[in-house]
C-alpha atoms as a PDB file:
ATOM      1  CA  UNK A   1     -73.865 -13.268  29.290  1.00  0.00           C
ATOM      2  CA  UNK A   2     -73.562 -11.488  25.895  1.00  0.00           C
ATOM      3  CA  UNK A   3     -76.306  -9.828  24.562  1.00  0.00           C
ATOM      4  CA  UNK A   4     -78.559  -6.773  24.568  1.00  0.00           C
ATOM      5  CA  UNK A   5     -79.488  -6.242  28.454  1.00  0.00           C
ATOM      6  CA  UNK A   6     -77.825  -3.849  30.399  1.00  0.00           C
ATOM      7  CA  UNK A   7     -75.306  -4.868  33.075  1.00  0.00           C
ATOM      8  CA  UNK A   8     -73.935  -3.517  36.814  1.00  0.00           C
ATOM      9  CA  UNK A   9     -70.627  -3.343  37.661  1.00  0.00           C
ATOM     10  CA  UNK A  10     -68.948  -4.866  40.463  1.00  0.00           C
ATOM     11  CA  UNK A  11     -69.352  -1.098  42.272  1.00  0.00           C
ATOM     12  CA  UNK A  12     -72.959  -1.228  42.286  1.00  0.00           C
ATOM     13  CA  UNK A  13     -73.673   1.295  39.627  1.00  0.00           C
ATOM     14  CA  UNK A  14     -74.827   0.734  35.901  1.00  0.00           C
ATOM     15  CA  UNK A  15     -73.337   1.903  32.839  1.00  0.00           C
ATOM     16  CA  UNK A  16     -76.104   0.515  30.712  1.00  0.00           C
ATOM     17  CA  UNK A  17     -74.320  -1.409  28.830  1.00  0.00           C
ATOM     18  CA  UNK A  18     -74.107  -4.988  27.413  1.00  0.00           C
ATOM     19  CA  UNK A  19     -71.836  -7.540  28.801  1.00  0.00           C
ATOM     20  CA  UNK A  20     -69.799  -7.104  25.094  1.00  0.00           C
ATOM     21  CA  UNK A  21     -69.887  -3.591  25.618  1.00  0.00           C
ATOM     22  CA  UNK A  22     -68.011  -3.606  28.516  1.00  0.00           C
ATOM     23  CA  UNK A  23     -65.882  -6.113  27.616  1.00  0.00           C
ATOM     24  CA  UNK A  24     -64.695  -3.934  24.520  1.00  0.00           C
ATOM     25  CA  UNK A  25     -64.322  -0.746  26.882  1.00  0.00           C
ATOM     26  CA  UNK A  26     -62.265  -2.977  29.293  1.00  0.00           C
ATOM     27  CA  UNK A  27     -59.865  -3.973  26.523  1.00  0.00           C
ATOM     28  CA  UNK A  28     -59.545  -0.621  25.183  1.00  0.00           C
ATOM     29  CA  UNK A  29     -58.677   0.705  28.437  1.00  0.00           C
ATOM     30  CA  UNK A  30     -56.085  -1.908  29.207  1.00  0.00           C
ATOM     31  CA  UNK A  31     -54.511  -1.615  26.130  1.00  0.00           C
ATOM     32  CA  UNK A  32     -54.393   2.281  26.654  1.00  0.00           C
ATOM     33  CA  UNK A  33     -52.714   1.812  29.784  1.00  0.00           C
ATOM     34  CA  UNK A  34     -50.173  -0.606  28.466  1.00  0.00           C
ATOM     35  CA  UNK A  35     -49.610   2.310  25.816  1.00  0.00           C
ATOM     36  CA  UNK A  36     -48.683   4.096  28.853  1.00  0.00           C
ATOM     37  CA  UNK A  37     -46.397   1.828  30.998  1.00  0.00           C
ATOM     38  CA  UNK A  38     -44.328  -0.176  27.808  1.00  0.00           C
ATOM     39  CA  UNK A  39     -42.110   2.713  26.865  1.00  0.00           C
ATOM     40  CA  UNK A  40     -40.774   3.769  30.114  1.00  0.00           C
ATOM     41  CA  UNK A  41     -40.129  -0.736  30.492  1.00  0.00           C
ATOM     42  CA  UNK A  42     -38.519  -0.482  26.809  1.00  0.00           C
ATOM     43  CA  UNK A  43     -36.328   2.924  27.804  1.00  0.00           C
ATOM     44  CA  UNK A  44     -35.605   0.950  31.320  1.00  0.00           C
ATOM     45  CA  UNK A  45     -34.408  -2.094  29.401  1.00  0.00           C
ATOM     46  CA  UNK A  46     -32.356  -0.382  26.818  1.00  0.00           C
ATOM     47  CA  UNK A  47     -30.482   1.102  29.541  1.00  0.00           C
ATOM     48  CA  UNK A  48     -29.663  -1.658  31.871  1.00  0.00           C
ATOM     49  CA  UNK A  49     -28.653  -3.770  28.560  1.00  0.00           C
ATOM     50  CA  UNK A  50     -26.155  -0.633  27.562  1.00  0.00           C
ATOM     51  CA  UNK A  51     -24.830  -0.234  31.122  1.00  0.00           C
ATOM     52  CA  UNK A  52     -22.394  -3.146  31.257  1.00  0.00           C
ATOM     53  CA  UNK A  53     -20.250  -2.130  28.105  1.00  0.00           C
ATOM     54  CA  UNK A  54     -20.356   1.691  29.651  1.00  0.00           C
ATOM     55  CA  UNK A  55     -16.486   2.957  30.724  1.00  0.00           C
ATOM     56  CA  UNK A  56     -16.410   2.501  34.536  1.00  0.00           C
ATOM     57  CA  UNK A  57     -18.722  -0.163  34.717  1.00  0.00           C
ATOM     58  CA  UNK A  58     -15.887  -2.815  35.372  1.00  0.00           C
ATOM     59  CA  UNK A  59     -15.214  -0.610  38.851  1.00  0.00           C
ATOM     60  CA  UNK A  60     -18.733  -1.955  40.185  1.00  0.00           C
ATOM     61  CA  UNK A  61     -18.817  -4.028  43.596  1.00  0.00           C
ATOM     62  CA  UNK A  62     -20.151  -7.391  43.964  1.00  0.00           C
ATOM     63  CA  UNK A  63     -23.207  -5.451  45.399  1.00  0.00           C
ATOM     64  CA  UNK A  64     -23.721  -3.351  42.010  1.00  0.00           C
ATOM     65  CA  UNK A  65     -23.340  -5.992  39.794  1.00  0.00           C
ATOM     66  CA  UNK A  66     -25.887  -8.389  41.440  1.00  0.00           C
ATOM     67  CA  UNK A  67     -28.207  -5.593  42.011  1.00  0.00           C
ATOM     68  CA  UNK A  68     -27.518  -5.012  38.686  1.00  0.00           C
ATOM     69  CA  UNK A  69     -28.599  -8.065  37.393  1.00  0.00           C
ATOM     70  CA  UNK A  70     -31.628  -8.545  39.657  1.00  0.00           C
ATOM     71  CA  UNK A  71     -32.733  -5.425  37.823  1.00  0.00           C
ATOM     72  CA  UNK A  72     -32.434  -6.605  34.723  1.00  0.00           C
ATOM     73  CA  UNK A  73     -34.143  -9.769  35.443  1.00  0.00           C
ATOM     74  CA  UNK A  74     -36.877  -7.920  37.182  1.00  0.00           C
ATOM     75  CA  UNK A  75     -36.923  -5.483  33.637  1.00  0.00           C
ATOM     76  CA  UNK A  76     -37.482  -8.486  31.840  1.00  0.00           C
ATOM     77  CA  UNK A  77     -39.993  -9.646  33.681  1.00  0.00           C
ATOM     78  CA  UNK A  78     -42.092  -6.693  33.671  1.00  0.00           C
ATOM     79  CA  UNK A  79     -41.544  -6.521  29.811  1.00  0.00           C
ATOM     80  CA  UNK A  80     -42.759 -10.253  29.272  1.00  0.00           C
ATOM     81  CA  UNK A  81     -45.836 -10.016  31.582  1.00  0.00           C
ATOM     82  CA  UNK A  82     -46.885  -6.000  30.054  1.00  0.00           C
ATOM     83  CA  UNK A  83     -46.537  -7.576  26.523  1.00  0.00           C
ATOM     84  CA  UNK A  84     -48.069 -10.998  27.310  1.00  0.00           C
ATOM     85  CA  UNK A  85     -51.159  -9.691  27.009  1.00  0.00           C
ATOM     86  CA  UNK A  86     -51.070  -8.141  23.477  1.00  0.00           C
ATOM     87  CA  UNK A  87     -49.527 -11.987  22.592  1.00  0.00           C
ATOM     88  CA  UNK A  88     -52.838 -13.591  23.780  1.00  0.00           C
ATOM     89  CA  UNK A  89     -54.677 -11.317  22.151  1.00  0.00           C
ATOM     90  CA  UNK A  90     -52.933 -11.907  18.627  1.00  0.00           C
ATOM     91  CA  UNK A  91     -52.967 -15.561  19.472  1.00  0.00           C
ATOM     92  CA  UNK A  92     -56.824 -15.862  20.240  1.00  0.00           C
ATOM     93  CA  UNK A  93     -57.831 -13.701  18.107  1.00  0.00           C
ATOM     94  CA  UNK A  94     -61.570 -14.507  16.540  1.00  0.00           C
ATOM     95  CA  UNK A  95     -62.145 -17.613  19.492  1.00  0.00           C
ATOM     96  CA  UNK A  96     -64.530 -15.357  21.485  1.00  0.00           C
ATOM     97  CA  UNK A  97     -62.245 -15.109  24.685  1.00  0.00           C
ATOM     98  CA  UNK A  98     -62.576 -11.573  25.371  1.00  0.00           C
ATOM     99  CA  UNK A  99     -63.695 -12.325  29.168  1.00  0.00           C
ATOM    100  CA  UNK A 100     -60.983 -14.052  29.268  1.00  0.00           C
ATOM    101  CA  UNK A 101     -58.191 -12.166  28.099  1.00  0.00           C
ATOM    102  CA  UNK A 102     -59.727  -9.016  29.910  1.00  0.00           C
ATOM    103  CA  UNK A 103     -59.162 -10.968  33.191  1.00  0.00           C
ATOM    104  CA  UNK A 104     -55.926 -12.645  32.454  1.00  0.00           C
ATOM    105  CA  UNK A 105     -54.608  -9.362  31.044  1.00  0.00           C
ATOM    106  CA  UNK A 106     -55.604  -7.546  34.014  1.00  0.00           C
ATOM    107  CA  UNK A 107     -53.360  -9.928  36.433  1.00  0.00           C
ATOM    108  CA  UNK A 108     -50.859  -9.799  33.918  1.00  0.00           C
ATOM    109  CA  UNK A 109     -50.521  -6.018  33.763  1.00  0.00           C
ATOM    110  CA  UNK A 110     -50.532  -5.940  37.723  1.00  0.00           C
ATOM    111  CA  UNK A 111     -47.951  -8.253  38.135  1.00  0.00           C
ATOM    112  CA  UNK A 112     -45.913  -6.133  35.322  1.00  0.00           C
ATOM    113  CA  UNK A 113     -46.191  -3.276  37.640  1.00  0.00           C
ATOM    114  CA  UNK A 114     -45.186  -5.017  40.499  1.00  0.00           C
ATOM    115  CA  UNK A 115     -41.953  -5.758  38.713  1.00  0.00           C
ATOM    116  CA  UNK A 116     -41.430  -2.680  36.917  1.00  0.00           C
ATOM    117  CA  UNK A 117     -41.953  -1.029  40.102  1.00  0.00           C
ATOM    118  CA  UNK A 118     -39.010  -3.539  41.562  1.00  0.00           C
ATOM    119  CA  UNK A 119     -36.909  -2.910  38.549  1.00  0.00           C
ATOM    120  CA  UNK A 120     -36.717   1.023  38.606  1.00  0.00           C
ATOM    121  CA  UNK A 121     -36.623   0.917  42.267  1.00  0.00           C
ATOM    122  CA  UNK A 122     -33.495  -1.679  41.742  1.00  0.00           C
ATOM    123  CA  UNK A 123     -32.099   1.021  38.927  1.00  0.00           C
ATOM    124  CA  UNK A 124     -32.138   4.083  41.390  1.00  0.00           C
ATOM    125  CA  UNK A 125     -30.480   2.022  44.099  1.00  0.00           C
ATOM    126  CA  UNK A 126     -27.754   0.749  41.679  1.00  0.00           C
ATOM    127  CA  UNK A 127     -26.944   4.190  40.245  1.00  0.00           C
ATOM    128  CA  UNK A 128     -27.194   5.703  44.334  1.00  0.00           C
ATOM    129  CA  UNK A 129     -24.594   3.032  45.339  1.00  0.00           C
ATOM    130  CA  UNK A 130     -22.736   3.764  42.435  1.00  0.00           C
ATOM    131  CA  UNK A 131     -22.843   7.486  43.247  1.00  0.00           C
ATOM    132  CA  UNK A 132     -23.069   7.941  47.202  1.00  0.00           C
ATOM    133  CA  UNK A 133     -22.670   5.968  50.228  1.00  0.00           C
ATOM    134  CA  UNK A 134     -24.227   3.161  51.772  1.00  0.00           C
ATOM    135  CA  UNK A 135     -26.981   5.668  53.735  1.00  0.00           C
ATOM    136  CA  UNK A 136     -27.923   7.597  50.753  1.00  0.00           C
ATOM    137  CA  UNK A 137     -28.426   4.332  48.624  1.00  0.00           C
ATOM    138  CA  UNK A 138     -30.672   2.806  51.718  1.00  0.00           C
ATOM    139  CA  UNK A 139     -32.641   6.351  51.864  1.00  0.00           C
ATOM    140  CA  UNK A 140     -33.139   6.899  47.870  1.00  0.00           C
ATOM    141  CA  UNK A 141     -34.084   3.016  47.668  1.00  0.00           C
ATOM    142  CA  UNK A 142     -36.795   3.004  50.564  1.00  0.00           C
ATOM    143  CA  UNK A 143     -37.892   6.529  48.842  1.00  0.00           C
ATOM    144  CA  UNK A 144     -38.381   5.020  45.464  1.00  0.00           C
ATOM    145  CA  UNK A 145     -39.859   1.906  46.688  1.00  0.00           C
ATOM    146  CA  UNK A 146     -42.362   4.463  48.436  1.00  0.00           C
ATOM    147  CA  UNK A 147     -42.938   6.260  45.001  1.00  0.00           C
ATOM    148  CA  UNK A 148     -43.259   3.688  42.934  1.00  0.00           C
ATOM    149  CA  UNK A 149     -45.591   1.507  45.566  1.00  0.00           C
ATOM    150  CA  UNK A 150     -47.848   4.101  47.556  1.00  0.00           C
ATOM    151  CA  UNK A 151     -49.638   5.525  44.539  1.00  0.00           C
ATOM    152  CA  UNK A 152     -50.097   2.669  42.550  1.00  0.00           C
ATOM    153  CA  UNK A 153     -51.056   0.142  44.990  1.00  0.00           C
ATOM    154  CA  UNK A 154     -51.516   1.368  47.974  1.00  0.00           C
ATOM    155  CA  UNK A 155     -53.754   4.139  47.478  1.00  0.00           C
ATOM    156  CA  UNK A 156     -55.890   2.644  44.960  1.00  0.00           C
ATOM    157  CA  UNK A 157     -56.462  -0.750  47.351  1.00  0.00           C
ATOM    158  CA  UNK A 158     -57.493   1.819  50.021  1.00  0.00           C
ATOM    159  CA  UNK A 159     -60.152   3.419  47.911  1.00  0.00           C
ATOM    160  CA  UNK A 160     -60.963   0.195  46.514  1.00  0.00           C
ATOM    161  CA  UNK A 161     -61.558  -1.272  50.299  1.00  0.00           C
ATOM    162  CA  UNK A 162     -63.739   1.751  50.943  1.00  0.00           C
ATOM    163  CA  UNK A 163     -66.074   1.275  48.488  1.00  0.00           C
END
């Protein structure tokens, strides 16, 4: 449906907007959210790319090198997934595919955030393991995992189910 009639959202309330207006609003919101997430991913990626060239990296354990590589790959995946909606938009520009972009962009962004949460947890685990004991590493990693996934996913999913 694209035209002048108003639509109701899944939540059961009406914004009195057309389908085209809703898609424009949804796309604008998605792009704003990506503008917030991408700088953090870029900073983490830059840190990870530079890390092996720092003094002391040769002293890392096998576990730390494995954690580093997994974190690097997760950050690269997150970067790819979070930038993908922008590439999709550029490639399909003026092809009347905004509905597809919003749906796919939402999925790619969520997958990118999951990957980012694991990457951030991995970075905290790597640094903590380099500096402290295995117990402190386990506690800091568990806390980091909760810190990212509870407010990013568990709370919103719980609120969504309440509606």
